[in-house]
Amino acid sequence: MSASSTDVTKSRFSYWRGYPERFRDVLREEGKRAAIAVGLLVVLPGGGALAWFLGSAWLPLKILFGLLLLAIAGFGAFLCTRTIRALVFVRIVPYFEKSLGDAQPFAAGVELARRAERLDRLATEAGATPLSNFGFNDDFVGQAVTWHEPALALATIRAVLPKVAETELALRRDLELLSEALNRAAARRIRFALLLRTTHAVSDAEKEKRLGSFV
């Protein structure tokens, strides 16, 4: 029996700074990349530059070595940028058991993640199932995903949306876009789960490993 067939009105999840608890794990994973980035961005180019100045006087070799150092530093900068994005732009997105056939993935969700604890509290107060009950296990990292019927999450959004102030445009937009995506899934009888994401793009390697689809 899936969790969606049970009348759950109390969240089973804990939070970290208002985000779902899994955000801490996401940052830990990104932190490992950041440590590598610091080495690539600072230590290796710094030591390499010293070796460049003290090494061979043959100009072509120095140019080649300099380009290699720039490439290493560039990759380190990329990893640093990714870590910053993970900290600032982590999102909650719908993940579908089968493809919806949409051209573009869900492009919102920053406010859903940032306000997760508050949204769950509003849902509980309204007697609806908290959104966190629909996530956040990720099959890409070896966790078992529980699929849910969209109807229960749509009922949660209908219960929560009137309690969100009209001035909270970003949060209301995220809820409305999530509702639209779940309505399309419901029309096609496709189940879903919620995931935490730090990127928009999905690589070919990730597509091959995943059981479900973001589009």
N, C-alpha and C. Protein backbone atom coordinates (compact mmCIF):
# COMPACT_ATOMS: atom_id res chain seq x y z
N MET A 1 0.86 -1.20 0.00
CA MET A 1 0.00 0.00 0.00
C MET A 1 0.89 1.24 0.00
N SER A 2 0.62 2.15 -0.88
CA SER A 2 1.44 3.36 -0.95
C SER A 2 0.99 4.35 0.10
N ALA A 3 1.89 5.31 0.39
CA ALA A 3 1.56 6.32 1.41
C ALA A 3 0.38 7.16 0.99
N SER A 4 0.13 7.27 -0.33
CA SER A 4 -0.94 8.12 -0.82
C SER A 4 -2.30 7.55 -0.52
N SER A 5 -2.40 6.24 -0.20
CA SER A 5 -3.69 5.63 0.08
C SER A 5 -4.04 5.70 1.56
N THR A 6 -3.18 6.30 2.34
CA THR A 6 -3.40 6.43 3.78
C THR A 6 -3.73 7.87 4.12
N ASP A 7 -4.68 8.05 5.03
CA ASP A 7 -5.05 9.41 5.44
C ASP A 7 -4.02 9.93 6.42
N VAL A 8 -3.00 10.58 5.89
CA VAL A 8 -1.90 11.09 6.71
C VAL A 8 -2.06 12.59 6.85
N THR A 9 -2.20 13.06 8.07
CA THR A 9 -2.37 14.50 8.27
C THR A 9 -1.26 15.10 9.12
N LYS A 10 -0.28 14.30 9.48
CA LYS A 10 0.83 14.80 10.27
C LYS A 10 2.14 14.44 9.59
N SER A 11 2.99 15.41 9.36
CA SER A 11 4.24 15.15 8.65
C SER A 11 5.15 14.23 9.46
N ARG A 12 5.82 13.30 8.76
CA ARG A 12 6.77 12.40 9.40
C ARG A 12 8.19 12.95 9.28
N PHE A 13 8.34 14.13 8.77
CA PHE A 13 9.66 14.64 8.43
C PHE A 13 10.10 15.74 9.39
N SER A 14 11.41 15.87 9.51
CA SER A 14 11.99 16.96 10.27
C SER A 14 12.57 17.97 9.28
N TYR A 15 12.99 19.10 9.79
CA TYR A 15 13.41 20.20 8.93
C TYR A 15 14.75 20.74 9.39
N TRP A 16 15.36 21.48 8.49
CA TRP A 16 16.62 22.14 8.80
C TRP A 16 16.57 23.54 8.19
N ARG A 17 16.48 24.54 9.07
CA ARG A 17 16.39 25.94 8.64
C ARG A 17 15.20 26.17 7.72
N GLY A 18 14.11 25.49 7.99
CA GLY A 18 12.90 25.66 7.20
C GLY A 18 12.80 24.77 5.99
N TYR A 19 13.93 24.18 5.59
CA TYR A 19 13.96 23.25 4.46
C TYR A 19 13.70 21.83 4.96
N PRO A 20 13.34 20.91 4.06
CA PRO A 20 13.30 19.50 4.47
C PRO A 20 14.67 19.06 4.97
N GLU A 21 14.69 18.13 5.89
CA GLU A 21 15.94 17.66 6.49
C GLU A 21 16.94 17.19 5.45
N ARG A 22 16.45 16.64 4.34
CA ARG A 22 17.36 16.12 3.31
C ARG A 22 18.25 17.22 2.73
N PHE A 23 17.86 18.48 2.90
CA PHE A 23 18.68 19.59 2.42
C PHE A 23 20.06 19.54 3.04
N ARG A 24 20.14 19.09 4.31
CA ARG A 24 21.44 18.97 4.97
C ARG A 24 22.32 17.96 4.23
N ASP A 25 21.72 16.85 3.79
CA ASP A 25 22.48 15.84 3.04
C ASP A 25 22.93 16.39 1.69
N VAL A 26 22.04 17.15 1.05
CA VAL A 26 22.39 17.75 -0.24
C VAL A 26 23.59 18.67 -0.09
N LEU A 27 23.58 19.49 0.95
CA LEU A 27 24.69 20.40 1.17
C LEU A 27 25.98 19.66 1.52
N ARG A 28 25.83 18.55 2.23
CA ARG A 28 27.01 17.73 2.55
C ARG A 28 27.64 17.18 1.27
N GLU A 29 26.78 16.72 0.35
CA GLU A 29 27.28 16.20 -0.92
C GLU A 29 27.95 17.32 -1.72
N GLU A 30 27.32 18.49 -1.73
CA GLU A 30 27.89 19.62 -2.45
C GLU A 30 29.17 20.10 -1.77
N GLY A 31 29.24 19.97 -0.44
CA GLY A 31 30.42 20.40 0.29
C GLY A 31 31.66 19.61 -0.11
N LYS A 32 31.45 18.33 -0.42
CA LYS A 32 32.58 17.52 -0.87
C LYS A 32 33.11 18.06 -2.20
N ARG A 33 32.18 18.44 -3.07
CA ARG A 33 32.61 19.03 -4.35
C ARG A 33 33.31 20.36 -4.11
N ALA A 34 32.82 21.12 -3.11
CA ALA A 34 33.43 22.42 -2.82
C ALA A 34 34.87 22.24 -2.35
N ALA A 35 35.11 21.20 -1.53
CA ALA A 35 36.48 20.95 -1.05
C ALA A 35 37.41 20.65 -2.22
N ILE A 36 36.91 19.86 -3.17
CA ILE A 36 37.70 19.58 -4.37
C ILE A 36 37.94 20.87 -5.15
N ALA A 37 36.88 21.69 -5.21
CA ALA A 37 36.97 22.94 -5.97
C ALA A 37 38.04 23.86 -5.39
N VAL A 38 38.10 23.93 -4.06
CA VAL A 38 39.10 24.79 -3.42
C VAL A 38 40.51 24.34 -3.80
N GLY A 39 40.71 23.01 -3.81
CA GLY A 39 42.01 22.49 -4.22
C GLY A 39 42.33 22.82 -5.66
N LEU A 40 41.32 22.64 -6.53
CA LEU A 40 41.54 22.91 -7.95
C LEU A 40 41.71 24.39 -8.23
N LEU A 41 40.96 25.20 -7.49
CA LEU A 41 40.93 26.63 -7.77
C LEU A 41 42.10 27.39 -7.15
N VAL A 42 42.59 26.89 -6.02
CA VAL A 42 43.61 27.64 -5.27
C VAL A 42 44.94 26.88 -5.18
N VAL A 43 44.90 25.71 -4.59
CA VAL A 43 46.14 25.00 -4.27
C VAL A 43 46.91 24.58 -5.53
N LEU A 44 46.24 23.87 -6.43
CA LEU A 44 46.94 23.37 -7.61
C LEU A 44 47.43 24.50 -8.52
N PRO A 45 46.57 25.47 -8.88
CA PRO A 45 47.08 26.56 -9.72
C PRO A 45 48.19 27.36 -9.04
N GLY A 46 48.05 27.57 -7.71
CA GLY A 46 49.08 28.32 -7.01
C GLY A 46 50.42 27.61 -7.04
N GLY A 47 50.40 26.32 -6.71
CA GLY A 47 51.64 25.55 -6.76
C GLY A 47 52.15 25.40 -8.17
N GLY A 48 51.22 25.23 -9.10
CA GLY A 48 51.62 25.09 -10.50
C GLY A 48 52.23 26.35 -11.06
N ALA A 49 51.68 27.49 -10.66
CA ALA A 49 52.23 28.76 -11.13
C ALA A 49 53.66 28.95 -10.65
N LEU A 50 53.90 28.54 -9.39
CA LEU A 50 55.26 28.64 -8.86
C LEU A 50 56.21 27.75 -9.65
N ALA A 51 55.74 26.53 -9.93
CA ALA A 51 56.57 25.62 -10.72
C ALA A 51 56.80 26.17 -12.12
N TRP A 52 55.81 26.85 -12.66
CA TRP A 52 55.91 27.42 -14.00
C TRP A 52 57.02 28.47 -14.04
N PHE A 53 57.05 29.32 -13.02
CA PHE A 53 58.06 30.38 -12.98
C PHE A 53 59.46 29.82 -12.70
N LEU A 54 59.52 28.76 -11.92
CA LEU A 54 60.82 28.22 -11.54
C LEU A 54 61.31 27.12 -12.48
N GLY A 55 60.43 26.68 -13.37
CA GLY A 55 60.75 25.54 -14.22
C GLY A 55 61.44 25.93 -15.51
N SER A 56 61.10 25.15 -16.52
CA SER A 56 61.76 25.29 -17.81
C SER A 56 61.59 26.70 -18.38
N ALA A 57 62.62 27.17 -19.01
CA ALA A 57 62.57 28.49 -19.64
C ALA A 57 62.03 28.40 -21.07
N TRP A 58 61.72 27.20 -21.54
CA TRP A 58 61.22 27.04 -22.91
C TRP A 58 59.80 27.58 -22.99
N LEU A 59 59.57 28.64 -23.75
CA LEU A 59 58.30 29.37 -23.77
C LEU A 59 57.11 28.50 -24.16
N PRO A 60 57.16 27.67 -25.22
CA PRO A 60 55.99 26.85 -25.57
C PRO A 60 55.53 25.94 -24.44
N LEU A 61 56.50 25.38 -23.70
CA LEU A 61 56.15 24.52 -22.59
C LEU A 61 55.47 25.32 -21.48
N LYS A 62 55.96 26.54 -21.26
CA LYS A 62 55.34 27.39 -20.23
C LYS A 62 53.91 27.77 -20.63
N ILE A 63 53.69 28.05 -21.90
CA ILE A 63 52.35 28.41 -22.36
C ILE A 63 51.40 27.23 -22.19
N LEU A 64 51.86 26.03 -22.56
CA LEU A 64 51.03 24.83 -22.42
C LEU A 64 50.69 24.58 -20.95
N PHE A 65 51.67 24.73 -20.11
CA PHE A 65 51.44 24.53 -18.68
C PHE A 65 50.48 25.58 -18.13
N GLY A 66 50.62 26.82 -18.60
CA GLY A 66 49.73 27.89 -18.16
C GLY A 66 48.28 27.61 -18.56
N LEU A 67 48.07 27.12 -19.78
CA LEU A 67 46.71 26.79 -20.23
C LEU A 67 46.11 25.67 -19.39
N LEU A 68 46.95 24.71 -19.03
CA LEU A 68 46.48 23.61 -18.18
C LEU A 68 46.04 24.14 -16.82
N LEU A 69 46.81 25.06 -16.26
CA LEU A 69 46.44 25.65 -14.98
C LEU A 69 45.13 26.42 -15.07
N LEU A 70 44.94 27.14 -16.18
CA LEU A 70 43.68 27.87 -16.37
C LEU A 70 42.50 26.91 -16.44
N ALA A 71 42.68 25.78 -17.12
CA ALA A 71 41.61 24.78 -17.23
C ALA A 71 41.26 24.21 -15.86
N ILE A 72 42.28 23.92 -15.07
CA ILE A 72 42.04 23.39 -13.72
C ILE A 72 41.30 24.41 -12.86
N ALA A 73 41.75 25.67 -12.93
CA ALA A 73 41.09 26.72 -12.16
C ALA A 73 39.65 26.92 -12.62
N GLY A 74 39.43 26.83 -13.93
CA GLY A 74 38.07 26.98 -14.46
C GLY A 74 37.14 25.90 -13.95
N PHE A 75 37.62 24.67 -13.89
CA PHE A 75 36.80 23.58 -13.37
C PHE A 75 36.51 23.79 -11.89
N GLY A 76 37.50 24.27 -11.16
CA GLY A 76 37.29 24.58 -9.75
C GLY A 76 36.24 25.66 -9.57
N ALA A 77 36.28 26.69 -10.42
CA ALA A 77 35.28 27.76 -10.34
C ALA A 77 33.89 27.22 -10.63
N PHE A 78 33.79 26.29 -11.58
CA PHE A 78 32.50 25.68 -11.90
C PHE A 78 31.94 24.94 -10.68
N LEU A 79 32.77 24.17 -9.98
CA LEU A 79 32.32 23.44 -8.81
C LEU A 79 31.90 24.40 -7.69
N CYS A 80 32.65 25.49 -7.53
CA CYS A 80 32.28 26.49 -6.52
C CYS A 80 30.92 27.10 -6.84
N THR A 81 30.70 27.43 -8.10
CA THR A 81 29.43 28.01 -8.52
C THR A 81 28.29 27.04 -8.26
N ARG A 82 28.51 25.77 -8.56
CA ARG A 82 27.49 24.76 -8.33
C ARG A 82 27.13 24.66 -6.86
N THR A 83 28.13 24.74 -5.99
CA THR A 83 27.88 24.66 -4.55
C THR A 83 27.06 25.86 -4.09
N ILE A 84 27.39 27.04 -4.58
CA ILE A 84 26.63 28.24 -4.21
C ILE A 84 25.19 28.12 -4.68
N ARG A 85 25.00 27.62 -5.89
CA ARG A 85 23.63 27.42 -6.40
C ARG A 85 22.87 26.42 -5.54
N ALA A 86 23.55 25.39 -5.07
CA ALA A 86 22.89 24.39 -4.22
C ALA A 86 22.42 25.02 -2.91
N LEU A 87 23.21 25.96 -2.41
CA LEU A 87 22.86 26.62 -1.16
C LEU A 87 21.71 27.60 -1.34
N VAL A 88 21.70 28.31 -2.45
CA VAL A 88 20.73 29.40 -2.65
C VAL A 88 19.51 28.95 -3.44
N PHE A 89 19.69 28.03 -4.40
CA PHE A 89 18.61 27.73 -5.34
C PHE A 89 18.13 26.29 -5.29
N VAL A 90 18.27 25.61 -4.17
CA VAL A 90 17.72 24.27 -4.06
C VAL A 90 16.20 24.35 -4.26
N ARG A 91 15.65 23.34 -4.96
CA ARG A 91 14.23 23.39 -5.31
C ARG A 91 13.53 22.10 -4.92
N ILE A 92 12.23 22.19 -4.73
CA ILE A 92 11.37 21.01 -4.65
C ILE A 92 10.66 20.90 -5.99
N VAL A 93 10.79 19.74 -6.65
CA VAL A 93 10.21 19.56 -7.98
C VAL A 93 9.44 18.25 -8.02
N PRO A 94 8.43 18.15 -8.90
CA PRO A 94 7.73 16.88 -9.08
C PRO A 94 8.53 15.94 -9.97
N TYR A 95 8.52 14.68 -9.60
CA TYR A 95 9.24 13.62 -10.32
C TYR A 95 8.21 12.55 -10.65
N PHE A 96 8.10 12.17 -11.91
CA PHE A 96 6.99 11.34 -12.35
C PHE A 96 7.42 9.91 -12.66
N GLU A 97 6.53 8.98 -12.36
CA GLU A 97 6.82 7.56 -12.58
C GLU A 97 7.05 7.27 -14.06
N LYS A 98 6.32 7.98 -14.91
CA LYS A 98 6.50 7.90 -16.36
C LYS A 98 6.50 9.31 -16.93
N SER A 99 7.05 9.47 -18.10
CA SER A 99 7.13 10.80 -18.71
C SER A 99 5.75 11.36 -19.00
N LEU A 100 5.58 12.64 -18.72
CA LEU A 100 4.33 13.33 -19.08
C LEU A 100 4.32 13.74 -20.54
N GLY A 101 5.49 13.71 -21.17
CA GLY A 101 5.58 14.15 -22.55
C GLY A 101 5.72 15.66 -22.68
N ASP A 102 6.01 16.35 -21.57
CA ASP A 102 6.19 17.80 -21.62
C ASP A 102 7.54 18.14 -22.23
N ALA A 103 7.59 19.28 -22.89
CA ALA A 103 8.84 19.69 -23.55
C ALA A 103 9.87 20.20 -22.54
N GLN A 104 9.39 20.85 -21.48
CA GLN A 104 10.30 21.47 -20.51
C GLN A 104 10.04 20.93 -19.12
N PRO A 105 11.10 20.76 -18.30
CA PRO A 105 10.90 20.32 -16.92
C PRO A 105 10.31 21.44 -16.06
N PHE A 106 9.85 21.09 -14.89
CA PHE A 106 9.32 22.04 -13.92
C PHE A 106 10.41 23.04 -13.57
N ALA A 107 10.14 24.32 -13.79
CA ALA A 107 11.18 25.34 -13.68
C ALA A 107 11.04 26.21 -12.44
N ALA A 108 10.25 25.78 -11.47
CA ALA A 108 10.05 26.55 -10.24
C ALA A 108 10.48 25.69 -9.05
N GLY A 109 10.04 26.05 -7.85
CA GLY A 109 10.25 25.21 -6.69
C GLY A 109 11.20 25.75 -5.63
N VAL A 110 11.85 26.90 -5.89
CA VAL A 110 12.77 27.47 -4.89
C VAL A 110 12.01 27.82 -3.61
N GLU A 111 10.86 28.46 -3.75
CA GLU A 111 10.09 28.85 -2.58
C GLU A 111 9.44 27.65 -1.91
N LEU A 112 9.09 26.62 -2.67
CA LEU A 112 8.54 25.40 -2.07
C LEU A 112 9.55 24.79 -1.11
N ALA A 113 10.82 24.81 -1.50
CA ALA A 113 11.88 24.27 -0.63
C ALA A 113 12.14 25.19 0.56
N ARG A 114 12.25 26.48 0.28
CA ARG A 114 12.60 27.45 1.32
C ARG A 114 11.51 27.53 2.40
N ARG A 115 10.26 27.34 2.01
CA ARG A 115 9.12 27.47 2.94
C ARG A 115 8.50 26.13 3.28
N ALA A 116 9.25 25.04 3.13
CA ALA A 116 8.69 23.71 3.31
C ALA A 116 8.08 23.51 4.69
N GLU A 117 8.77 23.93 5.73
CA GLU A 117 8.24 23.73 7.08
C GLU A 117 6.95 24.51 7.29
N ARG A 118 6.93 25.73 6.80
CA ARG A 118 5.71 26.55 6.94
C ARG A 118 4.55 25.95 6.16
N LEU A 119 4.81 25.50 4.93
CA LEU A 119 3.75 24.92 4.12
C LEU A 119 3.19 23.66 4.77
N ASP A 120 4.05 22.86 5.35
CA ASP A 120 3.58 21.66 6.04
C ASP A 120 2.73 22.03 7.25
N ARG A 121 3.12 23.07 7.95
CA ARG A 121 2.34 23.51 9.12
C ARG A 121 0.96 23.99 8.68
N LEU A 122 0.91 24.75 7.58
CA LEU A 122 -0.39 25.23 7.08
C LEU A 122 -1.27 24.06 6.64
N ALA A 123 -0.66 23.07 6.01
CA ALA A 123 -1.43 21.90 5.57
C ALA A 123 -1.99 21.14 6.77
N THR A 124 -1.17 20.96 7.78
CA THR A 124 -1.61 20.24 8.98
C THR A 124 -2.76 20.98 9.65
N GLU A 125 -2.64 22.31 9.73
CA GLU A 125 -3.70 23.11 10.34
C GLU A 125 -5.01 22.99 9.56
N ALA A 126 -4.90 22.79 8.25
CA ALA A 126 -6.10 22.66 7.40
C ALA A 126 -6.61 21.23 7.33
N GLY A 127 -5.92 20.30 8.01
CA GLY A 127 -6.34 18.91 7.99
C GLY A 127 -5.96 18.18 6.71
N ALA A 128 -4.99 18.72 5.98
CA ALA A 128 -4.54 18.11 4.72
C ALA A 128 -3.20 17.42 4.93
N THR A 129 -2.81 16.60 3.96
CA THR A 129 -1.53 15.90 4.03
C THR A 129 -0.39 16.87 3.72
N PRO A 130 0.61 17.00 4.58
CA PRO A 130 1.75 17.90 4.30
C PRO A 130 2.47 17.49 3.03
N LEU A 131 2.97 18.48 2.29
CA LEU A 131 3.67 18.20 1.04
C LEU A 131 4.90 17.32 1.27
N SER A 132 5.54 17.44 2.42
CA SER A 132 6.72 16.64 2.69
C SER A 132 6.43 15.14 2.71
N ASN A 133 5.18 14.77 2.92
CA ASN A 133 4.82 13.35 2.91
C ASN A 133 4.93 12.74 1.53
N PHE A 134 5.12 13.57 0.50
CA PHE A 134 5.23 13.06 -0.86
C PHE A 134 6.69 12.97 -1.33
N GLY A 135 7.65 13.15 -0.45
CA GLY A 135 9.07 13.09 -0.81
C GLY A 135 9.88 12.64 0.39
N PHE A 136 11.22 12.63 0.29
CA PHE A 136 12.08 13.16 -0.76
C PHE A 136 13.15 12.14 -1.14
N ASN A 137 12.81 10.86 -1.06
CA ASN A 137 13.77 9.83 -1.43
C ASN A 137 14.12 9.95 -2.91
N ASP A 138 15.40 9.77 -3.22
CA ASP A 138 15.90 9.99 -4.58
C ASP A 138 16.56 8.72 -5.09
N ASP A 139 16.00 8.12 -6.15
CA ASP A 139 16.57 6.88 -6.69
C ASP A 139 17.94 7.09 -7.30
N PHE A 140 18.28 8.31 -7.65
CA PHE A 140 19.59 8.59 -8.25
C PHE A 140 20.73 8.33 -7.26
N VAL A 141 20.41 8.44 -5.96
CA VAL A 141 21.42 8.17 -4.93
C VAL A 141 21.11 6.86 -4.20
N GLY A 142 20.33 5.99 -4.84
CA GLY A 142 20.09 4.65 -4.32
C GLY A 142 18.97 4.52 -3.32
N GLN A 143 18.11 5.53 -3.19
CA GLN A 143 16.99 5.46 -2.25
C GLN A 143 15.73 4.98 -2.98
N ALA A 144 14.87 4.29 -2.24
CA ALA A 144 13.63 3.77 -2.82
C ALA A 144 12.58 4.88 -2.88
N VAL A 145 12.06 5.14 -4.06
CA VAL A 145 11.04 6.17 -4.26
C VAL A 145 9.66 5.58 -4.04
N THR A 146 8.82 6.25 -3.25
CA THR A 146 7.43 5.87 -3.09
C THR A 146 6.58 6.78 -3.98
N TRP A 147 5.86 6.18 -4.90
CA TRP A 147 5.04 6.96 -5.83
C TRP A 147 3.67 7.25 -5.22
N HIS A 148 3.13 8.41 -5.56
CA HIS A 148 1.85 8.86 -4.99
C HIS A 148 0.90 9.30 -6.10
N GLU A 149 -0.39 9.17 -5.80
CA GLU A 149 -1.39 9.70 -6.72
C GLU A 149 -1.43 11.22 -6.60
N PRO A 150 -1.51 11.92 -7.72
CA PRO A 150 -1.50 13.39 -7.66
C PRO A 150 -2.67 14.00 -6.91
N ALA A 151 -3.81 13.31 -6.85
CA ALA A 151 -5.03 13.91 -6.29
C ALA A 151 -4.84 14.38 -4.85
N LEU A 152 -4.12 13.60 -4.03
CA LEU A 152 -3.96 13.97 -2.63
C LEU A 152 -3.11 15.22 -2.48
N ALA A 153 -2.06 15.33 -3.28
CA ALA A 153 -1.22 16.53 -3.25
C ALA A 153 -1.99 17.74 -3.77
N LEU A 154 -2.82 17.54 -4.77
CA LEU A 154 -3.64 18.65 -5.28
C LEU A 154 -4.60 19.14 -4.20
N ALA A 155 -5.14 18.23 -3.40
CA ALA A 155 -6.01 18.63 -2.29
C ALA A 155 -5.23 19.46 -1.27
N THR A 156 -3.97 19.09 -1.04
CA THR A 156 -3.13 19.85 -0.12
C THR A 156 -2.91 21.27 -0.64
N ILE A 157 -2.60 21.39 -1.93
CA ILE A 157 -2.36 22.72 -2.51
C ILE A 157 -3.62 23.58 -2.42
N ARG A 158 -4.77 22.98 -2.69
CA ARG A 158 -6.03 23.74 -2.58
C ARG A 158 -6.28 24.20 -1.15
N ALA A 159 -5.86 23.41 -0.17
CA ALA A 159 -6.05 23.78 1.22
C ALA A 159 -5.07 24.86 1.68
N VAL A 160 -3.87 24.83 1.13
CA VAL A 160 -2.80 25.73 1.58
C VAL A 160 -2.83 27.07 0.86
N LEU A 161 -3.12 27.07 -0.43
CA LEU A 161 -3.00 28.29 -1.24
C LEU A 161 -3.79 29.47 -0.67
N PRO A 162 -5.03 29.30 -0.19
CA PRO A 162 -5.75 30.46 0.37
C PRO A 162 -5.09 31.03 1.62
N LYS A 163 -4.24 30.26 2.29
CA LYS A 163 -3.58 30.73 3.50
C LYS A 163 -2.27 31.47 3.21
N VAL A 164 -1.85 31.47 1.95
CA VAL A 164 -0.64 32.19 1.54
C VAL A 164 -1.03 33.59 1.10
N ALA A 165 -0.37 34.60 1.65
CA ALA A 165 -0.75 35.99 1.38
C ALA A 165 -0.60 36.32 -0.11
N GLU A 166 -1.46 37.21 -0.58
CA GLU A 166 -1.42 37.65 -1.98
C GLU A 166 -0.10 38.32 -2.33
N THR A 167 0.57 38.86 -1.32
CA THR A 167 1.84 39.54 -1.57
C THR A 167 3.00 38.55 -1.74
N GLU A 168 2.81 37.31 -1.37
CA GLU A 168 3.86 36.30 -1.51
C GLU A 168 3.79 35.69 -2.91
N LEU A 169 4.13 36.52 -3.87
CA LEU A 169 3.92 36.14 -5.27
C LEU A 169 4.74 34.92 -5.68
N ALA A 170 6.00 34.85 -5.24
CA ALA A 170 6.87 33.74 -5.65
C ALA A 170 6.36 32.42 -5.11
N LEU A 171 5.94 32.40 -3.86
CA LEU A 171 5.44 31.17 -3.26
C LEU A 171 4.12 30.75 -3.91
N ARG A 172 3.24 31.70 -4.15
CA ARG A 172 1.97 31.38 -4.80
C ARG A 172 2.21 30.85 -6.22
N ARG A 173 3.17 31.44 -6.91
CA ARG A 173 3.48 30.97 -8.26
C ARG A 173 3.99 29.53 -8.23
N ASP A 174 4.88 29.22 -7.28
CA ASP A 174 5.39 27.86 -7.17
C ASP A 174 4.26 26.86 -6.92
N LEU A 175 3.35 27.21 -6.02
CA LEU A 175 2.23 26.32 -5.73
C LEU A 175 1.32 26.14 -6.95
N GLU A 176 1.08 27.22 -7.66
CA GLU A 176 0.21 27.15 -8.84
C GLU A 176 0.86 26.33 -9.95
N LEU A 177 2.17 26.50 -10.16
CA LEU A 177 2.85 25.72 -11.19
C LEU A 177 2.92 24.24 -10.81
N LEU A 178 3.12 23.96 -9.53
CA LEU A 178 3.09 22.57 -9.08
C LEU A 178 1.71 21.97 -9.30
N SER A 179 0.69 22.74 -9.01
CA SER A 179 -0.68 22.28 -9.24
C SER A 179 -0.91 21.96 -10.72
N GLU A 180 -0.42 22.82 -11.60
CA GLU A 180 -0.59 22.58 -13.04
C GLU A 180 0.10 21.29 -13.46
N ALA A 181 1.33 21.06 -12.96
CA ALA A 181 2.06 19.85 -13.32
C ALA A 181 1.35 18.60 -12.80
N LEU A 182 0.83 18.67 -11.58
CA LEU A 182 0.15 17.52 -11.00
C LEU A 182 -1.19 17.27 -11.69
N ASN A 183 -1.85 18.32 -12.14
CA ASN A 183 -3.09 18.13 -12.90
C ASN A 183 -2.82 17.40 -14.21
N ARG A 184 -1.70 17.73 -14.86
CA ARG A 184 -1.36 17.01 -16.10
C ARG A 184 -1.05 15.55 -15.80
N ALA A 185 -0.38 15.31 -14.68
CA ALA A 185 -0.09 13.92 -14.30
C ALA A 185 -1.37 13.16 -13.96
N ALA A 186 -2.28 13.82 -13.26
CA ALA A 186 -3.55 13.17 -12.91
C ALA A 186 -4.35 12.82 -14.16
N ALA A 187 -4.34 13.72 -15.14
CA ALA A 187 -5.08 13.46 -16.38
C ALA A 187 -4.53 12.25 -17.13
N ARG A 188 -3.24 11.98 -16.96
CA ARG A 188 -2.60 10.84 -17.63
C ARG A 188 -2.46 9.63 -16.71
N ARG A 189 -2.98 9.76 -15.46
CA ARG A 189 -2.92 8.68 -14.47
C ARG A 189 -1.48 8.25 -14.20
N ILE A 190 -0.63 9.25 -14.02
CA ILE A 190 0.79 9.02 -13.74
C ILE A 190 1.09 9.46 -12.31
N ARG A 191 1.67 8.57 -11.54
CA ARG A 191 2.00 8.89 -10.15
C ARG A 191 3.28 9.74 -10.08
N PHE A 192 3.51 10.31 -8.92
CA PHE A 192 4.63 11.24 -8.77
C PHE A 192 5.25 11.11 -7.38
N ALA A 193 6.40 11.74 -7.22
CA ALA A 193 7.03 11.96 -5.92
C ALA A 193 7.69 13.34 -5.98
N LEU A 194 7.97 13.92 -4.84
CA LEU A 194 8.68 15.19 -4.79
C LEU A 194 10.15 14.93 -4.50
N LEU A 195 11.02 15.67 -5.19
CA LEU A 195 12.46 15.55 -4.98
C LEU A 195 13.06 16.92 -4.69
N LEU A 196 14.21 16.91 -4.01
CA LEU A 196 15.02 18.12 -3.87
C LEU A 196 16.03 18.13 -5.01
N ARG A 197 16.12 19.26 -5.72
CA ARG A 197 17.04 19.37 -6.84
C ARG A 197 17.88 20.63 -6.69
N THR A 198 19.15 20.55 -7.13
CA THR A 198 20.02 21.73 -7.11
C THR A 198 20.36 22.19 -8.51
N THR A 199 19.90 21.48 -9.53
CA THR A 199 20.16 21.87 -10.91
C THR A 199 18.89 21.74 -11.73
N HIS A 200 18.86 22.43 -12.87
CA HIS A 200 17.74 22.31 -13.81
C HIS A 200 18.03 21.23 -14.85
N ALA A 201 19.27 21.17 -15.29
CA ALA A 201 19.63 20.25 -16.37
C ALA A 201 19.69 18.81 -15.87
N VAL A 202 19.33 17.89 -16.74
CA VAL A 202 19.43 16.46 -16.46
C VAL A 202 20.35 15.84 -17.50
N SER A 203 21.48 15.32 -17.06
CA SER A 203 22.45 14.75 -17.99
C SER A 203 21.95 13.42 -18.54
N ASP A 204 22.56 12.98 -19.63
CA ASP A 204 22.21 11.69 -20.21
C ASP A 204 22.50 10.56 -19.23
N ALA A 205 23.61 10.67 -18.51
CA ALA A 205 23.97 9.64 -17.53
C ALA A 205 22.92 9.56 -16.42
N GLU A 206 22.41 10.72 -16.00
CA GLU A 206 21.37 10.73 -14.96
C GLU A 206 20.08 10.12 -15.49
N LYS A 207 19.71 10.44 -16.73
CA LYS A 207 18.49 9.89 -17.32
C LYS A 207 18.54 8.37 -17.36
N GLU A 208 19.70 7.82 -17.69
CA GLU A 208 19.84 6.37 -17.78
C GLU A 208 19.70 5.70 -16.42
N LYS A 209 20.13 6.38 -15.38
CA LYS A 209 20.11 5.79 -14.04
C LYS A 209 18.76 5.94 -13.36
N ARG A 210 18.01 6.95 -13.72
CA ARG A 210 16.74 7.22 -13.04
C ARG A 210 15.62 6.29 -13.52
N LEU A 211 14.69 6.00 -12.59
CA LEU A 211 13.52 5.19 -12.92
C LEU A 211 12.41 6.04 -13.52
N GLY A 212 12.30 7.30 -13.06
CA GLY A 212 11.23 8.16 -13.50
C GLY A 212 11.71 9.28 -14.40
N SER A 213 10.88 10.33 -14.49
CA SER A 213 11.16 11.43 -15.41
C SER A 213 10.73 12.76 -14.79
N PHE A 214 11.43 13.84 -15.17
CA PHE A 214 11.06 15.18 -14.72
C PHE A 214 10.14 15.88 -15.73
N VAL A 215 9.91 15.28 -16.88
CA VAL A 215 9.09 15.92 -17.93
C VAL A 215 8.02 14.95 -18.43
